[in-house]
């Protein structure tokens, strides 16, 4: 089962994460502690990387598809 995470930021903007490796990374952070580093590096579909500033995140929505 594939999962998609929608990240909600301060100010109302959102970003969807659906690459399997990136979803697994974020889910691992939710289960652990991430106060030491406010930025998380996630892989994206184009082969690049996205840096997410966790201090600007208001909520995460996890859906299974």
Protein backbone atom coordinates (compact mmCIF):
# COMPACT_ATOMS: atom_id res chain seq x y z
CA UNK A 1 0.00 0.00 0.00
CA UNK A 2 1.42 3.38 -1.03
CA UNK A 3 1.21 6.40 1.24
CA UNK A 4 1.07 10.12 0.49
CA UNK A 5 1.91 12.80 3.04
CA UNK A 6 0.55 16.33 2.73
CA UNK A 7 2.66 18.84 4.65
CA UNK A 8 0.77 21.93 5.84
CA UNK A 9 2.92 25.02 6.46
CA UNK A 10 2.41 28.22 8.42
CA UNK A 11 0.57 30.59 6.10
CA UNK A 12 -1.57 27.88 4.51
CA UNK A 13 0.67 26.50 1.78
CA UNK A 14 0.98 22.74 1.34
CA UNK A 15 3.34 20.23 -0.26
CA UNK A 16 2.57 16.61 -1.15
CA UNK A 17 5.22 13.96 -0.64
CA UNK A 18 4.61 10.70 -2.48
CA UNK A 19 8.05 9.26 -3.25
CA UNK A 20 8.33 6.10 -1.18
CA UNK A 21 11.75 6.90 0.29
CA UNK A 22 10.68 10.41 1.29
CA UNK A 23 7.46 9.16 2.89
CA UNK A 24 9.40 6.56 4.88
CA UNK A 25 11.88 9.22 6.05
CA UNK A 26 9.11 11.52 7.28
CA UNK A 27 7.23 8.70 8.99
CA UNK A 28 10.46 7.70 10.75
CA UNK A 29 10.86 11.27 12.01
CA UNK A 30 7.32 11.33 13.34
CA UNK A 31 8.09 8.24 15.42
CA UNK A 32 11.39 9.68 16.66
CA UNK A 33 12.86 12.95 17.84
CA UNK A 34 13.79 15.70 15.39
CA UNK A 35 14.37 18.77 17.58
CA UNK A 36 18.11 18.68 16.88
CA UNK A 37 17.72 19.53 13.20
CA UNK A 38 14.93 21.71 11.88
CA UNK A 39 15.69 20.84 8.22
CA UNK A 40 15.01 17.43 6.69
CA UNK A 41 16.43 16.43 3.30
CA UNK A 42 14.01 14.36 1.20
CA UNK A 43 14.48 12.85 -2.27
CA UNK A 44 12.09 13.98 -5.00
CA UNK A 45 10.91 12.27 -8.19
CA UNK A 46 13.20 14.27 -10.49
CA UNK A 47 16.29 12.88 -8.77
CA UNK A 48 16.95 16.03 -6.77
CA UNK A 49 16.44 16.81 -3.11
CA UNK A 50 13.97 18.92 -1.18
CA UNK A 51 14.80 20.51 2.17
CA UNK A 52 11.82 20.82 4.51
CA UNK A 53 12.00 23.26 7.42
CA UNK A 54 10.15 21.42 10.19
CA UNK A 55 9.79 24.56 12.29
CA UNK A 56 7.36 25.91 9.65
CA UNK A 57 5.16 22.80 9.55
CA UNK A 58 1.79 23.06 11.27
CA UNK A 59 0.54 19.54 10.49
CA UNK A 60 1.11 16.41 8.41
CA UNK A 61 -1.70 14.45 6.77
CA UNK A 62 -0.93 10.81 5.94
CA UNK A 63 -3.16 8.98 3.45
CA UNK A 64 -2.96 5.48 2.02
CA UNK A 65 -3.76 4.88 -1.62
